[in-house]
C-alpha cells in the first residue's frame, strides 16, 4: 500500500486553489499553515 505524506498533498491542493481563485490567497495560506502546524504538533501524521 502506498503511503503519501499529507503535507505535499496539502501544498499541491493549496497551489491549485490559489491558481483557480487568487482572491482567496490569504485564506488558503492561513488554512494551510494552521493545518501543517496542527499536524506538526500531533506528530506529523
PDB file of N, CA and C in Angstrom:
ATOM      1  N   UNK A   1       0.843  -1.186   0.000  1.00  0.00           N
ATOM      2  CA  UNK A   1       0.000   0.000   0.000  1.00  0.00           C
ATOM      3  C   UNK A   1       0.885   1.245   0.000  1.00  0.00           C
ATOM      4  N   UNK A   2       0.528   2.192  -0.823  1.00  0.00           N
ATOM      5  CA  UNK A   2       1.317   3.418  -0.940  1.00  0.00           C
ATOM      6  C   UNK A   2       0.863   4.415   0.120  1.00  0.00           C
ATOM      7  N   UNK A   3       1.823   4.884   0.911  1.00  0.00           N
ATOM      8  CA  UNK A   3       1.512   5.909   1.907  1.00  0.00           C
ATOM      9  C   UNK A   3       2.091   7.230   1.442  1.00  0.00           C
ATOM     10  N   UNK A   4       1.225   8.230   1.338  1.00  0.00           N
ATOM     11  CA  UNK A   4       1.661   9.552   0.931  1.00  0.00           C
ATOM     12  C   UNK A   4       1.684  10.471   2.138  1.00  0.00           C
ATOM     13  N   UNK A   5       2.680  11.321   2.177  1.00  0.00           N
ATOM     14  CA  UNK A   5       2.733  12.314   3.240  1.00  0.00           C
ATOM     15  C   UNK A   5       1.652  13.357   2.984  1.00  0.00           C
ATOM     16  N   UNK A   6       1.022  13.824   4.036  1.00  0.00           N
ATOM     17  CA  UNK A   6      -0.103  14.741   3.899  1.00  0.00           C
ATOM     18  C   UNK A   6       0.345  16.145   3.513  1.00  0.00           C
ATOM     19  N   UNK A   7       1.523  16.575   3.955  1.00  0.00           N
ATOM     20  CA  UNK A   7       1.962  17.944   3.697  1.00  0.00           C
ATOM     21  C   UNK A   7       2.126  18.249   2.204  1.00  0.00           C
ATOM     22  N   UNK A   8       2.774  17.386   1.404  1.00  0.00           N
ATOM     23  CA  UNK A   8       2.866  17.685  -0.035  1.00  0.00           C
ATOM     24  C   UNK A   8       1.505  17.709  -0.725  1.00  0.00           C
ATOM     25  N   UNK A   9       0.580  16.865  -0.281  1.00  0.00           N
ATOM     26  CA  UNK A   9      -0.760  16.867  -0.860  1.00  0.00           C
ATOM     27  C   UNK A   9      -1.455  18.185  -0.540  1.00  0.00           C
ATOM     28  N   UNK A  10      -1.334  18.646   0.713  1.00  0.00           N
ATOM     29  CA  UNK A  10      -1.926  19.931   1.095  1.00  0.00           C
ATOM     30  C   UNK A  10      -1.316  21.070   0.290  1.00  0.00           C
ATOM     31  N   UNK A  11      -0.005  21.030   0.091  1.00  0.00           N
ATOM     32  CA  UNK A  11       0.664  22.081  -0.672  1.00  0.00           C
ATOM     33  C   UNK A  11       0.174  22.092  -2.116  1.00  0.00           C
ATOM     34  N   UNK A  12       0.003  20.919  -2.704  1.00  0.00           N
ATOM     35  CA  UNK A  12      -0.480  20.820  -4.075  1.00  0.00           C
ATOM     36  C   UNK A  12      -1.895  21.363  -4.201  1.00  0.00           C
ATOM     37  N   UNK A  13      -2.771  20.967  -3.280  1.00  0.00           N
ATOM     38  CA  UNK A  13      -4.153  21.448  -3.298  1.00  0.00           C
ATOM     39  C   UNK A  13      -4.185  22.960  -3.106  1.00  0.00           C
ATOM     40  N   UNK A  14      -3.400  23.475  -2.167  1.00  0.00           N
ATOM     41  CA  UNK A  14      -3.363  24.919  -1.925  1.00  0.00           C
ATOM     42  C   UNK A  14      -2.875  25.660  -3.166  1.00  0.00           C
ATOM     43  N   UNK A  15      -1.860  25.144  -3.820  1.00  0.00           N
ATOM     44  CA  UNK A  15      -1.350  25.775  -5.035  1.00  0.00           C
ATOM     45  C   UNK A  15      -2.378  25.815  -6.146  1.00  0.00           C
ATOM     46  N   UNK A  16      -3.098  24.723  -6.326  1.00  0.00           N
ATOM     47  CA  UNK A  16      -4.140  24.675  -7.355  1.00  0.00           C
ATOM     48  C   UNK A  16      -5.256  25.662  -7.030  1.00  0.00           C
ATOM     49  N   UNK A  17      -5.670  25.704  -5.757  1.00  0.00           N
ATOM     50  CA  UNK A  17      -6.726  26.638  -5.359  1.00  0.00           C
ATOM     51  C   UNK A  17      -6.298  28.087  -5.562  1.00  0.00           C
ATOM     52  N   UNK A  18      -5.033  28.396  -5.290  1.00  0.00           N
ATOM     53  CA  UNK A  18      -4.541  29.760  -5.492  1.00  0.00           C
ATOM     54  C   UNK A  18      -4.550  30.110  -6.977  1.00  0.00           C
ATOM     55  N   UNK A  19      -4.208  29.158  -7.830  1.00  0.00           N
ATOM     56  CA  UNK A  19      -4.247  29.414  -9.269  1.00  0.00           C
ATOM     57  C   UNK A  19      -5.675  29.635  -9.759  1.00  0.00           C
ATOM     58  N   UNK A  20      -6.619  28.864  -9.220  1.00  0.00           N
ATOM     59  CA  UNK A  20      -8.008  28.949  -9.669  1.00  0.00           C
ATOM     60  C   UNK A  20      -8.695  30.184  -9.087  1.00  0.00           C
ATOM     61  N   UNK A  21      -8.466  30.453  -7.822  1.00  0.00           N
ATOM     62  CA  UNK A  21      -9.131  31.562  -7.119  1.00  0.00           C
ATOM     63  C   UNK A  21      -8.089  32.414  -6.393  1.00  0.00           C
ATOM     64  N   UNK A  22      -7.368  33.275  -7.102  1.00  0.00           N
ATOM     65  CA  UNK A  22      -6.298  34.055  -6.463  1.00  0.00           C
ATOM     66  C   UNK A  22      -6.801  34.975  -5.349  1.00  0.00           C
ATOM     67  N   UNK A  23      -8.069  35.379  -5.399  1.00  0.00           N
ATOM     68  CA  UNK A  23      -8.574  36.293  -4.364  1.00  0.00           C
ATOM     69  C   UNK A  23      -8.679  35.610  -3.003  1.00  0.00           C
ATOM     70  N   UNK A  24      -8.607  34.272  -2.961  1.00  0.00           N
ATOM     71  CA  UNK A  24      -8.664  33.542  -1.698  1.00  0.00           C
ATOM     72  C   UNK A  24      -7.276  33.225  -1.152  1.00  0.00           C
ATOM     73  N   UNK A  25      -6.247  33.880  -1.685  1.00  0.00           N
ATOM     74  CA  UNK A  25      -4.862  33.573  -1.315  1.00  0.00           C
ATOM     75  C   UNK A  25      -4.642  33.644   0.193  1.00  0.00           C
ATOM     76  N   UNK A  26      -5.102  34.716   0.835  1.00  0.00           N
ATOM     77  CA  UNK A  26      -4.873  34.868   2.275  1.00  0.00           C
ATOM     78  C   UNK A  26      -5.507  33.730   3.057  1.00  0.00           C
ATOM     79  N   UNK A  27      -6.733  33.366   2.712  1.00  0.00           N
ATOM     80  CA  UNK A  27      -7.432  32.297   3.432  1.00  0.00           C
ATOM     81  C   UNK A  27      -6.745  30.953   3.215  1.00  0.00           C
ATOM     82  N   UNK A  28      -6.351  30.680   1.971  1.00  0.00           N
ATOM     83  CA  UNK A  28      -5.719  29.396   1.656  1.00  0.00           C
ATOM     84  C   UNK A  28      -4.394  29.257   2.404  1.00  0.00           C
ATOM     85  N   UNK A  29      -3.590  30.318   2.400  1.00  0.00           N
ATOM     86  CA  UNK A  29      -2.301  30.270   3.097  1.00  0.00           C
ATOM     87  C   UNK A  29      -2.512  30.096   4.596  1.00  0.00           C
ATOM     88  N   UNK A  30      -3.475  30.831   5.154  1.00  0.00           N
ATOM     89  CA  UNK A  30      -3.739  30.728   6.592  1.00  0.00           C
ATOM     90  C   UNK A  30      -4.192  29.322   6.967  1.00  0.00           C
ATOM     91  N   UNK A  31      -5.121  28.759   6.208  1.00  0.00           N
ATOM     92  CA  UNK A  31      -5.617  27.409   6.498  1.00  0.00           C
ATOM     93  C   UNK A  31      -4.488  26.390   6.356  1.00  0.00           C
ATOM     94  N   UNK A  32      -3.666  26.537   5.310  1.00  0.00           N
ATOM     95  CA  UNK A  32      -2.547  25.617   5.103  1.00  0.00           C
ATOM     96  C   UNK A  32      -1.588  25.649   6.297  1.00  0.00           C
ATOM     97  N   UNK A  33      -1.243  26.849   6.737  1.00  0.00           N
ATOM     98  CA  UNK A  33      -0.307  26.968   7.857  1.00  0.00           C
ATOM     99  C   UNK A  33      -0.892  26.397   9.141  1.00  0.00           C
ATOM    100  N   UNK A  34      -2.168  26.620   9.377  1.00  0.00           N
ATOM    101  CA  UNK A  34      -2.814  26.070  10.571  1.00  0.00           C
ATOM    102  C   UNK A  34      -2.803  24.546  10.529  1.00  0.00           C
ATOM    103  N   UNK A  35      -3.160  23.973   9.379  1.00  0.00           N
ATOM    104  CA  UNK A  35      -3.209  22.510   9.254  1.00  0.00           C
ATOM    105  C   UNK A  35      -1.815  21.914   9.423  1.00  0.00           C
ATOM    106  N   UNK A  36      -0.812  22.509   8.786  1.00  0.00           N
ATOM    107  CA  UNK A  36       0.556  22.000   8.902  1.00  0.00           C
ATOM    108  C   UNK A  36       1.039  22.109  10.348  1.00  0.00           C
ATOM    109  N   UNK A  37       0.701  23.207  11.017  1.00  0.00           N
ATOM    110  CA  UNK A  37       1.082  23.372  12.419  1.00  0.00           C
ATOM    111  C   UNK A  37       0.440  22.329  13.315  1.00  0.00           C
ATOM    112  N   UNK A  38      -0.851  22.072  13.106  1.00  0.00           N
ATOM    113  CA  UNK A  38      -1.552  21.061  13.907  1.00  0.00           C
ATOM    114  C   UNK A  38      -0.954  19.682  13.662  1.00  0.00           C
ATOM    115  N   UNK A  39      -0.687  19.366  12.395  1.00  0.00           N
ATOM    116  CA  UNK A  39      -0.093  18.063  12.086  1.00  0.00           C
ATOM    117  C   UNK A  39       1.293  17.941  12.713  1.00  0.00           C
ATOM    118  N   UNK A  40       2.059  19.024  12.705  1.00  0.00           N
ATOM    119  CA  UNK A  40       3.384  19.003  13.319  1.00  0.00           C
ATOM    120  C   UNK A  40       3.306  18.753  14.816  1.00  0.00           C
ATOM    121  N   UNK A  41       2.353  19.394  15.479  1.00  0.00           N
ATOM    122  CA  UNK A  41       2.187  19.196  16.916  1.00  0.00           C
ATOM    123  C   UNK A  41       1.647  17.806  17.234  1.00  0.00           C
ATOM    124  N   UNK A  42       0.859  17.244  16.317  1.00  0.00           N
ATOM    125  CA  UNK A  42       0.246  15.936  16.540  1.00  0.00           C
ATOM    126  C   UNK A  42       1.204  14.786  16.224  1.00  0.00           C
ATOM    127  N   UNK A  43       2.382  15.091  15.736  1.00  0.00           N
ATOM    128  CA  UNK A  43       3.349  14.030  15.483  1.00  0.00           C
ATOM    129  C   UNK A  43       3.598  13.772  14.014  1.00  0.00           C
ATOM    130  N   UNK A  44       3.154  14.650  13.146  1.00  0.00           N
ATOM    131  CA  UNK A  44       3.436  14.522  11.719  1.00  0.00           C
ATOM    132  C   UNK A  44       2.826  13.296  11.087  1.00  0.00           C
ATOM    133  N   UNK A  45       1.521  13.206  11.124  1.00  0.00           N
ATOM    134  CA  UNK A  45       0.826  12.048  10.542  1.00  0.00           C
ATOM    135  C   UNK A  45       1.187  11.843   9.121  1.00  0.00           C
TER     136      UNK A  45
END
